[in-house]
């Protein structure tokens, strides 16, 4: 059983910073791509940032230069440093990861966390 748990969300003023963390637990053989998505009320879930197993990163245009994704493979964690936050960044942020488990080494499956609320006040 693989589980992703996010933390670090909260309420912050415009221009402030937050750091989200996501820990992956379970019988993990390998975590490939990992990422952060967000969903605001009435909107579709959208990619915020992604990081591959070799450290290559990809960002949504709206967060480039403000957000930084990183990962610690030894700890099975992925982080999202969010600076210069804006009210439009308000959303539930979800961690996801493409994982091969010990029980199914040849198959990759995408797992999601339960989400953490980020609210940016103006």
PDB file of N, CA and C in Angstrom:
ATOM      1  N   UNK A   1       0.854  -1.184   0.000  1.00  0.00           N
ATOM      2  CA  UNK A   1       0.000   0.000   0.000  1.00  0.00           C
ATOM      3  C   UNK A   1       0.891   1.235   0.000  1.00  0.00           C
ATOM      4  N   UNK A   2       0.698   2.085  -0.978  1.00  0.00           N
ATOM      5  CA  UNK A   2       1.462   3.331  -1.073  1.00  0.00           C
ATOM      6  C   UNK A   2       0.597   4.476  -0.591  1.00  0.00           C
ATOM      7  N   UNK A   3       1.198   5.350   0.162  1.00  0.00           N
ATOM      8  CA  UNK A   3       0.462   6.497   0.700  1.00  0.00           C
ATOM      9  C   UNK A   3       1.295   7.754   0.540  1.00  0.00           C
ATOM     10  N   UNK A   4       0.641   8.838   0.094  1.00  0.00           N
ATOM     11  CA  UNK A   4       1.275  10.151  -0.018  1.00  0.00           C
ATOM     12  C   UNK A   4       0.577  11.091   0.954  1.00  0.00           C
ATOM     13  N   UNK A   5       1.348  11.788   1.763  1.00  0.00           N
ATOM     14  CA  UNK A   5       0.776  12.701   2.744  1.00  0.00           C
ATOM     15  C   UNK A   5       1.447  14.060   2.614  1.00  0.00           C
ATOM     16  N   UNK A   6       0.621  15.084   2.336  1.00  0.00           N
ATOM     17  CA  UNK A   6       1.119  16.446   2.206  1.00  0.00           C
ATOM     18  C   UNK A   6       1.035  17.175   3.545  1.00  0.00           C
ATOM     19  N   UNK A   7       1.871  18.187   3.693  1.00  0.00           N
ATOM     20  CA  UNK A   7       1.815  19.069   4.850  1.00  0.00           C
ATOM     21  C   UNK A   7       2.401  20.413   4.459  1.00  0.00           C
ATOM     22  N   UNK A   8       2.151  21.413   5.299  1.00  0.00           N
ATOM     23  CA  UNK A   8       2.748  22.722   5.082  1.00  0.00           C
ATOM     24  C   UNK A   8       1.817  23.787   4.556  1.00  0.00           C
ATOM     25  N   UNK A   9       0.581  23.420   4.242  1.00  0.00           N
ATOM     26  CA  UNK A   9      -0.361  24.414   3.771  1.00  0.00           C
ATOM     27  C   UNK A   9      -0.788  25.343   4.900  1.00  0.00           C
ATOM     28  N   UNK A  10      -1.528  26.394   4.533  1.00  0.00           N
ATOM     29  CA  UNK A  10      -1.998  27.323   5.538  1.00  0.00           C
ATOM     30  C   UNK A  10      -2.428  28.628   4.931  1.00  0.00           C
ATOM     31  N   UNK A  11      -2.599  29.614   5.804  1.00  0.00           N
ATOM     32  CA  UNK A  11      -3.019  30.951   5.401  1.00  0.00           C
ATOM     33  C   UNK A  11      -1.809  31.882   5.450  1.00  0.00           C
ATOM     34  N   UNK A  12      -1.599  32.617   4.362  1.00  0.00           N
ATOM     35  CA  UNK A  12      -0.469  33.528   4.286  1.00  0.00           C
ATOM     36  C   UNK A  12      -0.897  34.782   3.547  1.00  0.00           C
ATOM     37  N   UNK A  13      -0.261  35.890   3.868  1.00  0.00           N
ATOM     38  CA  UNK A  13      -0.575  37.134   3.171  1.00  0.00           C
ATOM     39  C   UNK A  13       0.099  37.173   1.802  1.00  0.00           C
ATOM     40  N   UNK A  14      -0.470  37.962   0.919  1.00  0.00           N
ATOM     41  CA  UNK A  14       0.114  38.151  -0.406  1.00  0.00           C
ATOM     42  C   UNK A  14       1.575  38.594  -0.273  1.00  0.00           C
ATOM     43  N   UNK A  15       2.438  37.970  -1.062  1.00  0.00           N
ATOM     44  CA  UNK A  15       3.861  38.248  -0.990  1.00  0.00           C
ATOM     45  C   UNK A  15       4.622  37.330  -0.064  1.00  0.00           C
ATOM     46  N   UNK A  16       3.916  36.548   0.708  1.00  0.00           N
ATOM     47  CA  UNK A  16       4.538  35.646   1.668  1.00  0.00           C
ATOM     48  C   UNK A  16       4.998  34.345   1.028  1.00  0.00           C
ATOM     49  N   UNK A  17       5.482  33.450   1.883  1.00  0.00           N
ATOM     50  CA  UNK A  17       6.041  32.182   1.423  1.00  0.00           C
ATOM     51  C   UNK A  17       5.478  31.023   2.234  1.00  0.00           C
ATOM     52  N   UNK A  18       5.424  29.881   1.594  1.00  0.00           N
ATOM     53  CA  UNK A  18       5.086  28.621   2.245  1.00  0.00           C
ATOM     54  C   UNK A  18       5.940  27.525   1.621  1.00  0.00           C
ATOM     55  N   UNK A  19       6.185  26.479   2.411  1.00  0.00           N
ATOM     56  CA  UNK A  19       6.884  25.313   1.887  1.00  0.00           C
ATOM     57  C   UNK A  19       6.021  24.085   2.120  1.00  0.00           C
ATOM     58  N   UNK A  20       5.624  23.455   1.024  1.00  0.00           N
ATOM     59  CA  UNK A  20       4.850  22.229   1.104  1.00  0.00           C
ATOM     60  C   UNK A  20       5.784  21.022   1.078  1.00  0.00           C
ATOM     61  N   UNK A  21       5.413  20.010   1.840  1.00  0.00           N
ATOM     62  CA  UNK A  21       6.164  18.758   1.864  1.00  0.00           C
ATOM     63  C   UNK A  21       5.220  17.603   1.588  1.00  0.00           C
ATOM     64  N   UNK A  22       5.747  16.565   0.978  1.00  0.00           N
ATOM     65  CA  UNK A  22       4.969  15.358   0.713  1.00  0.00           C
ATOM     66  C   UNK A  22       5.871  14.158   0.971  1.00  0.00           C
ATOM     67  N   UNK A  23       5.416  13.277   1.842  1.00  0.00           N
ATOM     68  CA  UNK A  23       6.180  12.070   2.133  1.00  0.00           C
ATOM     69  C   UNK A  23       5.457  10.874   1.527  1.00  0.00           C
ATOM     70  N   UNK A  24       6.241  10.017   0.900  1.00  0.00           N
ATOM     71  CA  UNK A  24       5.714   8.809   0.269  1.00  0.00           C
ATOM     72  C   UNK A  24       6.090   7.616   1.139  1.00  0.00           C
ATOM     73  N   UNK A  25       5.121   6.809   1.494  1.00  0.00           N
ATOM     74  CA  UNK A  25       5.404   5.634   2.317  1.00  0.00           C
ATOM     75  C   UNK A  25       4.803   4.400   1.670  1.00  0.00           C
ATOM     76  N   UNK A  26       5.334   3.244   2.057  1.00  0.00           N
ATOM     77  CA  UNK A  26       4.838   1.980   1.517  1.00  0.00           C
ATOM     78  C   UNK A  26       5.950   1.173   0.888  1.00  0.00           C
ATOM     79  N   UNK A  27       5.564   0.143   0.184  1.00  0.00           N
ATOM     80  CA  UNK A  27       6.529  -0.778  -0.423  1.00  0.00           C
ATOM     81  C   UNK A  27       6.964  -0.241  -1.778  1.00  0.00           C
ATOM     82  N   UNK A  28       7.807   0.768  -1.737  1.00  0.00           N
ATOM     83  CA  UNK A  28       8.217   1.476  -2.951  1.00  0.00           C
ATOM     84  C   UNK A  28       9.473   0.853  -3.517  1.00  0.00           C
ATOM     85  N   UNK A  29       9.425   0.501  -4.797  1.00  0.00           N
ATOM     86  CA  UNK A  29      10.633   0.062  -5.483  1.00  0.00           C
ATOM     87  C   UNK A  29      11.351   1.258  -6.100  1.00  0.00           C
ATOM     88  N   UNK A  30      10.547   2.096  -6.768  1.00  0.00           N
ATOM     89  CA  UNK A  30      11.135   3.273  -7.402  1.00  0.00           C
ATOM     90  C   UNK A  30      10.047   4.315  -7.605  1.00  0.00           C
ATOM     91  N   UNK A  31      10.393   5.579  -7.304  1.00  0.00           N
ATOM     92  CA  UNK A  31       9.507   6.707  -7.607  1.00  0.00           C
ATOM     93  C   UNK A  31      10.062   7.421  -8.824  1.00  0.00           C
ATOM     94  N   UNK A  32       9.289   7.482  -9.868  1.00  0.00           N
ATOM     95  CA  UNK A  32       9.727   8.174 -11.086  1.00  0.00           C
ATOM     96  C   UNK A  32       9.351   9.649 -10.980  1.00  0.00           C
ATOM     97  N   UNK A  33       8.532  10.132 -11.887  1.00  0.00           N
ATOM     98  CA  UNK A  33       8.124  11.537 -11.819  1.00  0.00           C
ATOM     99  C   UNK A  33       7.295  11.800 -10.563  1.00  0.00           C
ATOM    100  N   UNK A  34       7.561  12.956  -9.952  1.00  0.00           N
ATOM    101  CA  UNK A  34       6.777  13.413  -8.807  1.00  0.00           C
ATOM    102  C   UNK A  34       6.348  14.843  -9.092  1.00  0.00           C
ATOM    103  N   UNK A  35       5.229  15.241  -8.531  1.00  0.00           N
ATOM    104  CA  UNK A  35       4.764  16.569  -8.871  1.00  0.00           C
ATOM    105  C   UNK A  35       3.770  17.143  -7.888  1.00  0.00           C
ATOM    106  N   UNK A  36       3.467  18.398  -8.114  1.00  0.00           N
ATOM    107  CA  UNK A  36       2.447  19.120  -7.352  1.00  0.00           C
ATOM    108  C   UNK A  36       1.402  19.662  -8.321  1.00  0.00           C
ATOM    109  N   UNK A  37       0.154  19.438  -7.973  1.00  0.00           N
ATOM    110  CA  UNK A  37      -0.979  19.968  -8.717  1.00  0.00           C
ATOM    111  C   UNK A  37      -1.795  20.821  -7.759  1.00  0.00           C
ATOM    112  N   UNK A  38      -2.666  21.646  -8.313  1.00  0.00           N
ATOM    113  CA  UNK A  38      -3.567  22.417  -7.466  1.00  0.00           C
ATOM    114  C   UNK A  38      -4.935  22.520  -8.121  1.00  0.00           C
ATOM    115  N   UNK A  39      -5.924  22.719  -7.268  1.00  0.00           N
ATOM    116  CA  UNK A  39      -7.290  22.867  -7.749  1.00  0.00           C
ATOM    117  C   UNK A  39      -7.997  23.923  -6.925  1.00  0.00           C
ATOM    118  N   UNK A  40      -8.394  24.989  -7.602  1.00  0.00           N
ATOM    119  CA  UNK A  40      -9.168  26.045  -6.970  1.00  0.00           C
ATOM    120  C   UNK A  40     -10.655  25.754  -7.180  1.00  0.00           C
ATOM    121  N   UNK A  41     -11.527  26.285  -6.327  1.00  0.00           N
ATOM    122  CA  UNK A  41     -12.965  26.043  -6.479  1.00  0.00           C
ATOM    123  C   UNK A  41     -13.450  26.426  -7.868  1.00  0.00           C
ATOM    124  N   UNK A  42     -14.173  25.521  -8.511  1.00  0.00           N
ATOM    125  CA  UNK A  42     -14.716  25.779  -9.829  1.00  0.00           C
ATOM    126  C   UNK A  42     -13.748  25.577 -10.972  1.00  0.00           C
ATOM    127  N   UNK A  43     -12.502  25.245 -10.636  1.00  0.00           N
ATOM    128  CA  UNK A  43     -11.485  25.048 -11.674  1.00  0.00           C
ATOM    129  C   UNK A  43     -11.059  23.589 -11.755  1.00  0.00           C
ATOM    130  N   UNK A  44     -10.453  23.249 -12.875  1.00  0.00           N
ATOM    131  CA  UNK A  44      -9.895  21.911 -13.016  1.00  0.00           C
ATOM    132  C   UNK A  44      -8.556  21.836 -12.288  1.00  0.00           C
ATOM    133  N   UNK A  45      -8.181  20.624 -11.929  1.00  0.00           N
ATOM    134  CA  UNK A  45      -6.875  20.420 -11.321  1.00  0.00           C
ATOM    135  C   UNK A  45      -5.804  20.697 -12.374  1.00  0.00           C
ATOM    136  N   UNK A  46      -4.774  21.444 -11.975  1.00  0.00           N
ATOM    137  CA  UNK A  46      -3.737  21.823 -12.924  1.00  0.00           C
ATOM    138  C   UNK A  46      -2.356  21.518 -12.366  1.00  0.00           C
ATOM    139  N   UNK A  47      -1.433  21.245 -13.280  1.00  0.00           N
ATOM    140  CA  UNK A  47      -0.056  20.987 -12.879  1.00  0.00           C
ATOM    141  C   UNK A  47       0.593  22.290 -12.430  1.00  0.00           C
ATOM    142  N   UNK A  48       1.263  22.233 -11.295  1.00  0.00           N
ATOM    143  CA  UNK A  48       2.031  23.372 -10.804  1.00  0.00           C
ATOM    144  C   UNK A  48       3.514  23.175 -11.126  1.00  0.00           C
ATOM    145  N   UNK A  49       4.040  22.012 -10.739  1.00  0.00           N
ATOM    146  CA  UNK A  49       5.455  21.723 -10.958  1.00  0.00           C
ATOM    147  C   UNK A  49       5.667  20.224 -10.915  1.00  0.00           C
ATOM    148  N   UNK A  50       6.666  19.757 -11.651  1.00  0.00           N
ATOM    149  CA  UNK A  50       6.994  18.347 -11.679  1.00  0.00           C
ATOM    150  C   UNK A  50       8.504  18.188 -11.684  1.00  0.00           C
ATOM    151  N   UNK A  51       8.943  17.037 -11.158  1.00  0.00           N
ATOM    152  CA  UNK A  51      10.378  16.752 -11.120  1.00  0.00           C
ATOM    153  C   UNK A  51      10.577  15.278 -11.433  1.00  0.00           C
ATOM    154  N   UNK A  52      11.515  14.997 -12.325  1.00  0.00           N
ATOM    155  CA  UNK A  52      11.784  13.619 -12.710  1.00  0.00           C
ATOM    156  C   UNK A  52      12.762  12.977 -11.726  1.00  0.00           C
ATOM    157  N   UNK A  53      13.006  11.693 -11.920  1.00  0.00           N
ATOM    158  CA  UNK A  53      13.911  10.981 -11.017  1.00  0.00           C
ATOM    159  C   UNK A  53      15.348  11.484 -11.127  1.00  0.00           C
ATOM    160  N   UNK A  54      15.687  12.084 -12.273  1.00  0.00           N
ATOM    161  CA  UNK A  54      17.055  12.616 -12.425  1.00  0.00           C
ATOM    162  C   UNK A  54      17.138  14.098 -12.083  1.00  0.00           C
ATOM    163  N   UNK A  55      16.032  14.675 -11.606  1.00  0.00           N
ATOM    164  CA  UNK A  55      16.058  16.056 -11.149  1.00  0.00           C
ATOM    165  C   UNK A  55      15.599  17.103 -12.147  1.00  0.00           C
ATOM    166  N   UNK A  56      15.225  16.689 -13.332  1.00  0.00           N
ATOM    167  CA  UNK A  56      14.710  17.652 -14.304  1.00  0.00           C
ATOM    168  C   UNK A  56      13.372  18.190 -13.826  1.00  0.00           C
ATOM    169  N   UNK A  57      13.170  19.498 -14.003  1.00  0.00           N
ATOM    170  CA  UNK A  57      11.958  20.135 -13.491  1.00  0.00           C
ATOM    171  C   UNK A  57      11.139  20.779 -14.591  1.00  0.00           C
ATOM    172  N   UNK A  58       9.867  20.970 -14.287  1.00  0.00           N
ATOM    173  CA  UNK A  58       8.921  21.570 -15.214  1.00  0.00           C
ATOM    174  C   UNK A  58       7.938  22.384 -14.394  1.00  0.00           C
ATOM    175  N   UNK A  59       7.643  23.612 -14.822  1.00  0.00           N
ATOM    176  CA  UNK A  59       6.776  24.497 -14.058  1.00  0.00           C
ATOM    177  C   UNK A  59       5.659  25.060 -14.937  1.00  0.00           C
ATOM    178  N   UNK A  60       4.523  25.312 -14.317  1.00  0.00           N
ATOM    179  CA  UNK A  60       3.478  26.080 -14.982  1.00  0.00           C
ATOM    180  C   UNK A  60       3.983  27.504 -15.168  1.00  0.00           C
ATOM    181  N   UNK A  61       3.590  28.131 -16.259  1.00  0.00           N
ATOM    182  CA  UNK A  61       4.055  29.494 -16.538  1.00  0.00           C
ATOM    183  C   UNK A  61       3.699  30.448 -15.389  1.00  0.00           C
ATOM    184  N   UNK A  62       2.558  30.214 -14.763  1.00  0.00           N
ATOM    185  CA  UNK A  62       2.076  31.132 -13.736  1.00  0.00           C
ATOM    186  C   UNK A  62       2.931  31.111 -12.464  1.00  0.00           C
ATOM    187  N   UNK A  63       3.774  30.096 -12.287  1.00  0.00           N
ATOM    188  CA  UNK A  63       4.567  30.007 -11.059  1.00  0.00           C
ATOM    189  C   UNK A  63       6.066  30.081 -11.316  1.00  0.00           C
ATOM    190  N   UNK A  64       6.460  30.135 -12.565  1.00  0.00           N
ATOM    191  CA  UNK A  64       7.887  30.195 -12.882  1.00  0.00           C
ATOM    192  C   UNK A  64       8.541  31.397 -12.217  1.00  0.00           C
ATOM    193  N   UNK A  65       9.695  31.152 -11.606  1.00  0.00           N
ATOM    194  CA  UNK A  65      10.416  32.215 -10.922  1.00  0.00           C
ATOM    195  C   UNK A  65       9.961  32.452  -9.498  1.00  0.00           C
ATOM    196  N   UNK A  66       8.836  31.849  -9.099  1.00  0.00           N
ATOM    197  CA  UNK A  66       8.333  32.031  -7.734  1.00  0.00           C
ATOM    198  C   UNK A  66       8.354  30.723  -6.941  1.00  0.00           C
ATOM    199  N   UNK A  67       8.088  29.612  -7.615  1.00  0.00           N
ATOM    200  CA  UNK A  67       8.009  28.301  -6.950  1.00  0.00           C
ATOM    201  C   UNK A  67       9.219  27.458  -7.348  1.00  0.00           C
ATOM    202  N   UNK A  68       9.644  26.605  -6.419  1.00  0.00           N
ATOM    203  CA  UNK A  68      10.739  25.681  -6.683  1.00  0.00           C
ATOM    204  C   UNK A  68      10.374  24.298  -6.164  1.00  0.00           C
ATOM    205  N   UNK A  69      10.449  23.308  -7.043  1.00  0.00           N
ATOM    206  CA  UNK A  69      10.194  21.925  -6.640  1.00  0.00           C
ATOM    207  C   UNK A  69      11.519  21.220  -6.425  1.00  0.00           C
ATOM    208  N   UNK A  70      11.556  20.366  -5.431  1.00  0.00           N
ATOM    209  CA  UNK A  70      12.759  19.576  -5.166  1.00  0.00           C
ATOM    210  C   UNK A  70      12.337  18.235  -4.574  1.00  0.00           C
ATOM    211  N   UNK A  71      13.268  17.310  -4.539  1.00  0.00           N
ATOM    212  CA  UNK A  71      12.966  15.991  -3.998  1.00  0.00           C
ATOM    213  C   UNK A  71      14.161  15.444  -3.257  1.00  0.00           C
ATOM    214  N   UNK A  72      13.872  14.580  -2.299  1.00  0.00           N
ATOM    215  CA  UNK A  72      14.903  13.866  -1.552  1.00  0.00           C
ATOM    216  C   UNK A  72      14.580  12.387  -1.708  1.00  0.00           C
ATOM    217  N   UNK A  73      15.292  11.721  -2.594  1.00  0.00           N
ATOM    218  CA  UNK A  73      14.983  10.324  -2.885  1.00  0.00           C
ATOM    219  C   UNK A  73      15.243   9.418  -1.680  1.00  0.00           C
ATOM    220  N   UNK A  74      16.247   9.738  -0.891  1.00  0.00           N
ATOM    221  CA  UNK A  74      16.562   8.909   0.275  1.00  0.00           C
ATOM    222  C   UNK A  74      15.417   8.931   1.290  1.00  0.00           C
ATOM    223  N   UNK A  75      14.754  10.081   1.400  1.00  0.00           N
ATOM    224  CA  UNK A  75      13.645  10.219   2.346  1.00  0.00           C
ATOM    225  C   UNK A  75      12.292  10.008   1.685  1.00  0.00           C
ATOM    226  N   UNK A  76      12.299   9.774   0.376  1.00  0.00           N
ATOM    227  CA  UNK A  76      11.045   9.607  -0.378  1.00  0.00           C
ATOM    228  C   UNK A  76      10.128  10.802  -0.168  1.00  0.00           C
ATOM    229  N   UNK A  77      10.681  11.991  -0.347  1.00  0.00           N
ATOM    230  CA  UNK A  77       9.907  13.204  -0.150  1.00  0.00           C
ATOM    231  C   UNK A  77      10.054  14.137  -1.353  1.00  0.00           C
ATOM    232  N   UNK A  78       9.028  14.934  -1.556  1.00  0.00           N
ATOM    233  CA  UNK A  78       9.062  15.981  -2.565  1.00  0.00           C
ATOM    234  C   UNK A  78       8.560  17.261  -1.906  1.00  0.00           C
ATOM    235  N   UNK A  79       9.152  18.375  -2.298  1.00  0.00           N
ATOM    236  CA  UNK A  79       8.866  19.659  -1.670  1.00  0.00           C
ATOM    237  C   UNK A  79       8.449  20.683  -2.725  1.00  0.00           C
ATOM    238  N   UNK A  80       7.724  21.686  -2.272  1.00  0.00           N
ATOM    239  CA  UNK A  80       7.395  22.822  -3.131  1.00  0.00           C
ATOM    240  C   UNK A  80       7.590  24.091  -2.305  1.00  0.00           C
ATOM    241  N   UNK A  81       8.647  24.842  -2.634  1.00  0.00           N
ATOM    242  CA  UNK A  81       8.887  26.129  -2.006  1.00  0.00           C
ATOM    243  C   UNK A  81       8.134  27.182  -2.807  1.00  0.00           C
ATOM    244  N   UNK A  82       7.240  27.884  -2.138  1.00  0.00           N
ATOM    245  CA  UNK A  82       6.396  28.875  -2.816  1.00  0.00           C
ATOM    246  C   UNK A  82       6.711  30.253  -2.248  1.00  0.00           C
ATOM    247  N   UNK A  83       7.241  31.119  -3.081  1.00  0.00           N
ATOM    248  CA  UNK A  83       7.571  32.486  -2.687  1.00  0.00           C
ATOM    249  C   UNK A  83       6.701  33.472  -3.465  1.00  0.00           C
ATOM    250  N   UNK A  84       6.671  34.702  -2.971  1.00  0.00           N
ATOM    251  CA  UNK A  84       5.900  35.767  -3.632  1.00  0.00           C
ATOM    252  C   UNK A  84       4.485  35.297  -3.952  1.00  0.00           C
ATOM    253  N   UNK A  85       3.841  34.721  -2.978  1.00  0.00           N
ATOM    254  CA  UNK A  85       2.513  34.162  -3.195  1.00  0.00           C
ATOM    255  C   UNK A  85       1.493  35.240  -3.528  1.00  0.00           C
ATOM    256  N   UNK A  86       0.541  34.866  -4.379  1.00  0.00           N
ATOM    257  CA  UNK A  86      -0.507  35.771  -4.830  1.00  0.00           C
ATOM    258  C   UNK A  86      -1.867  35.179  -4.456  1.00  0.00           C
ATOM    259  N   UNK A  87      -2.895  36.005  -4.344  1.00  0.00           N
ATOM    260  CA  UNK A  87      -4.233  35.464  -4.047  1.00  0.00           C
ATOM    261  C   UNK A  87      -4.673  34.400  -5.050  1.00  0.00           C
ATOM    262  N   UNK A  88      -4.257  34.532  -6.294  1.00  0.00           N
ATOM    263  CA  UNK A  88      -4.642  33.538  -7.306  1.00  0.00           C
ATOM    264  C   UNK A  88      -3.952  32.195  -7.132  1.00  0.00           C
ATOM    265  N   UNK A  89      -3.006  32.106  -6.199  1.00  0.00           N
ATOM    266  CA  UNK A  89      -2.388  30.824  -5.871  1.00  0.00           C
ATOM    267  C   UNK A  89      -3.239  30.025  -4.883  1.00  0.00           C
ATOM    268  N   UNK A  90      -4.293  30.629  -4.375  1.00  0.00           N
ATOM    269  CA  UNK A  90      -5.169  29.953  -3.429  1.00  0.00           C
ATOM    270  C   UNK A  90      -5.804  28.725  -4.072  1.00  0.00           C
ATOM    271  N   UNK A  91      -5.619  27.584  -3.432  1.00  0.00           N
ATOM    272  CA  UNK A  91      -6.134  26.315  -3.963  1.00  0.00           C
ATOM    273  C   UNK A  91      -5.805  25.195  -2.986  1.00  0.00           C
ATOM    274  N   UNK A  92      -6.350  24.029  -3.268  1.00  0.00           N
ATOM    275  CA  UNK A  92      -5.895  22.807  -2.607  1.00  0.00           C
ATOM    276  C   UNK A  92      -4.742  22.252  -3.436  1.00  0.00           C
ATOM    277  N   UNK A  93      -3.635  22.005  -2.799  1.00  0.00           N
ATOM    278  CA  UNK A  93      -2.445  21.508  -3.473  1.00  0.00           C
ATOM    279  C   UNK A  93      -2.300  20.006  -3.216  1.00  0.00           C
ATOM    280  N   UNK A  94      -2.097  19.273  -4.304  1.00  0.00           N
ATOM    281  CA  UNK A  94      -1.993  17.819  -4.242  1.00  0.00           C
ATOM    282  C   UNK A  94      -0.608  17.366  -4.705  1.00  0.00           C
ATOM    283  N   UNK A  95      -0.079  16.412  -3.989  1.00  0.00           N
ATOM    284  CA  UNK A  95       1.168  15.772  -4.373  1.00  0.00           C
ATOM    285  C   UNK A  95       0.838  14.525  -5.186  1.00  0.00           C
ATOM    286  N   UNK A  96       1.624  14.244  -6.217  1.00  0.00           N
ATOM    287  CA  UNK A  96       1.437  12.975  -6.917  1.00  0.00           C
ATOM    288  C   UNK A  96       2.777  12.367  -7.282  1.00  0.00           C
ATOM    289  N   UNK A  97       2.776  11.076  -7.500  1.00  0.00           N
ATOM    290  CA  UNK A  97       4.013  10.382  -7.819  1.00  0.00           C
ATOM    291  C   UNK A  97       3.717   9.148  -8.661  1.00  0.00           C
ATOM    292  N   UNK A  98       4.587   8.910  -9.627  1.00  0.00           N
ATOM    293  CA  UNK A  98       4.513   7.694 -10.453  1.00  0.00           C
ATOM    294  C   UNK A  98       5.448   6.670  -9.819  1.00  0.00           C
ATOM    295  N   UNK A  99       4.865   5.589  -9.331  1.00  0.00           N
ATOM    296  CA  UNK A  99       5.615   4.680  -8.475  1.00  0.00           C
ATOM    297  C   UNK A  99       5.521   3.250  -8.962  1.00  0.00           C
ATOM    298  N   UNK A 100       6.636   2.566  -8.854  1.00  0.00           N
ATOM    299  CA  UNK A 100       6.651   1.101  -9.014  1.00  0.00           C
ATOM    300  C   UNK A 100       6.851   0.494  -7.626  1.00  0.00           C
ATOM    301  N   UNK A 101       5.969  -0.381  -7.259  1.00  0.00           N
ATOM    302  CA  UNK A 101       6.049  -0.990  -5.938  1.00  0.00           C
ATOM    303  C   UNK A 101       6.899  -2.255  -5.969  1.00  0.00           C
ATOM    304  N   UNK A 102       7.287  -2.699  -4.794  1.00  0.00           N
ATOM    305  CA  UNK A 102       8.052  -3.936  -4.673  1.00  0.00           C
ATOM    306  C   UNK A 102       7.235  -5.111  -5.210  1.00  0.00           C
ATOM    307  N   UNK A 103       5.932  -5.050  -5.020  1.00  0.00           N
ATOM    308  CA  UNK A 103       5.064  -6.142  -5.463  1.00  0.00           C
ATOM    309  C   UNK A 103       4.814  -6.120  -6.968  1.00  0.00           C
ATOM    310  N   UNK A 104       5.056  -4.974  -7.612  1.00  0.00           N
ATOM    311  CA  UNK A 104       4.761  -4.839  -9.040  1.00  0.00           C
ATOM    312  C   UNK A 104       5.837  -3.985  -9.690  1.00  0.00           C
ATOM    313  N   UNK A 105       7.036  -4.527  -9.786  1.00  0.00           N
ATOM    314  CA  UNK A 105       8.190  -3.758 -10.225  1.00  0.00           C
ATOM    315  C   UNK A 105       8.056  -3.286 -11.665  1.00  0.00           C
ATOM    316  N   UNK A 106       7.383  -4.054 -12.502  1.00  0.00           N
ATOM    317  CA  UNK A 106       7.313  -3.714 -13.921  1.00  0.00           C
ATOM    318  C   UNK A 106       6.216  -2.724 -14.253  1.00  0.00           C
ATOM    319  N   UNK A 107       5.325  -2.460 -13.320  1.00  0.00           N
ATOM    320  CA  UNK A 107       4.184  -1.583 -13.592  1.00  0.00           C
ATOM    321  C   UNK A 107       4.301  -0.290 -12.815  1.00  0.00           C
ATOM    322  N   UNK A 108       4.053   0.824 -13.475  1.00  0.00           N
ATOM    323  CA  UNK A 108       4.052   2.140 -12.849  1.00  0.00           C
ATOM    324  C   UNK A 108       2.624   2.606 -12.658  1.00  0.00           C
ATOM    325  N   UNK A 109       2.359   3.095 -11.469  1.00  0.00           N
ATOM    326  CA  UNK A 109       1.015   3.593 -11.163  1.00  0.00           C
ATOM    327  C   UNK A 109       1.143   4.977 -10.529  1.00  0.00           C
ATOM    328  N   UNK A 110       0.183   5.833 -10.832  1.00  0.00           N
ATOM    329  CA  UNK A 110       0.182   7.182 -10.269  1.00  0.00           C
ATOM    330  C   UNK A 110      -0.627   7.215  -8.983  1.00  0.00           C
ATOM    331  N   UNK A 111      -0.023   7.760  -7.948  1.00  0.00           N
ATOM    332  CA  UNK A 111      -0.671   7.892  -6.648  1.00  0.00           C
ATOM    333  C   UNK A 111      -0.831   9.373  -6.301  1.00  0.00           C
ATOM    334  N   UNK A 112      -1.873   9.665  -5.525  1.00  0.00           N
ATOM    335  CA  UNK A 112      -2.190  11.034  -5.124  1.00  0.00           C
ATOM    336  C   UNK A 112      -2.288  11.138  -3.610  1.00  0.00           C
ATOM    337  N   UNK A 113      -1.912  12.318  -3.102  1.00  0.00           N
ATOM    338  CA  UNK A 113      -2.165  12.623  -1.716  1.00  0.00           C
ATOM    339  C   UNK A 113      -3.565  13.165  -1.528  1.00  0.00           C
ATOM    340  N   UNK A 114      -3.900  13.493  -0.283  1.00  0.00           N
ATOM    341  CA  UNK A 114      -5.260  13.936   0.022  1.00  0.00           C
ATOM    342  C   UNK A 114      -5.418  15.441  -0.149  1.00  0.00           C
ATOM    343  N   UNK A 115      -4.307  16.150  -0.305  1.00  0.00           N
ATOM    344  CA  UNK A 115      -4.361  17.586  -0.539  1.00  0.00           C
ATOM    345  C   UNK A 115      -4.140  18.411   0.713  1.00  0.00           C
ATOM    346  N   UNK A 116      -3.603  19.603   0.504  1.00  0.00           N
ATOM    347  CA  UNK A 116      -3.420  20.560   1.603  1.00  0.00           C
ATOM    348  C   UNK A 116      -3.840  21.938   1.107  1.00  0.00           C
ATOM    349  N   UNK A 117      -4.592  22.640   1.932  1.00  0.00           N
ATOM    350  CA  UNK A 117      -5.154  23.933   1.526  1.00  0.00           C
ATOM    351  C   UNK A 117      -4.112  25.036   1.664  1.00  0.00           C
ATOM    352  N   UNK A 118      -3.992  25.823   0.614  1.00  0.00           N
ATOM    353  CA  UNK A 118      -3.172  27.035   0.642  1.00  0.00           C
ATOM    354  C   UNK A 118      -4.087  28.215   0.362  1.00  0.00           C
ATOM    355  N   UNK A 119      -4.111  29.171   1.267  1.00  0.00           N
ATOM    356  CA  UNK A 119      -4.943  30.354   1.107  1.00  0.00           C
ATOM    357  C   UNK A 119      -4.066  31.587   1.207  1.00  0.00           C
ATOM    358  N   UNK A 120      -4.135  32.429   0.181  1.00  0.00           N
ATOM    359  CA  UNK A 120      -3.326  33.649   0.147  1.00  0.00           C
ATOM    360  C   UNK A 120      -4.273  34.833   0.211  1.00  0.00           C
ATOM    361  N   UNK A 121      -4.145  35.629   1.247  1.00  0.00           N
ATOM    362  CA  UNK A 121      -5.017  36.791   1.427  1.00  0.00           C
ATOM    363  C   UNK A 121      -4.382  38.032   0.799  1.00  0.00           C
ATOM    364  N   UNK A 122      -5.251  38.897   0.304  1.00  0.00           N
ATOM    365  CA  UNK A 122      -4.750  40.111  -0.370  1.00  0.00           C
ATOM    366  C   UNK A 122      -4.536  41.240   0.617  1.00  0.00           C
TER     367      UNK A 122
END
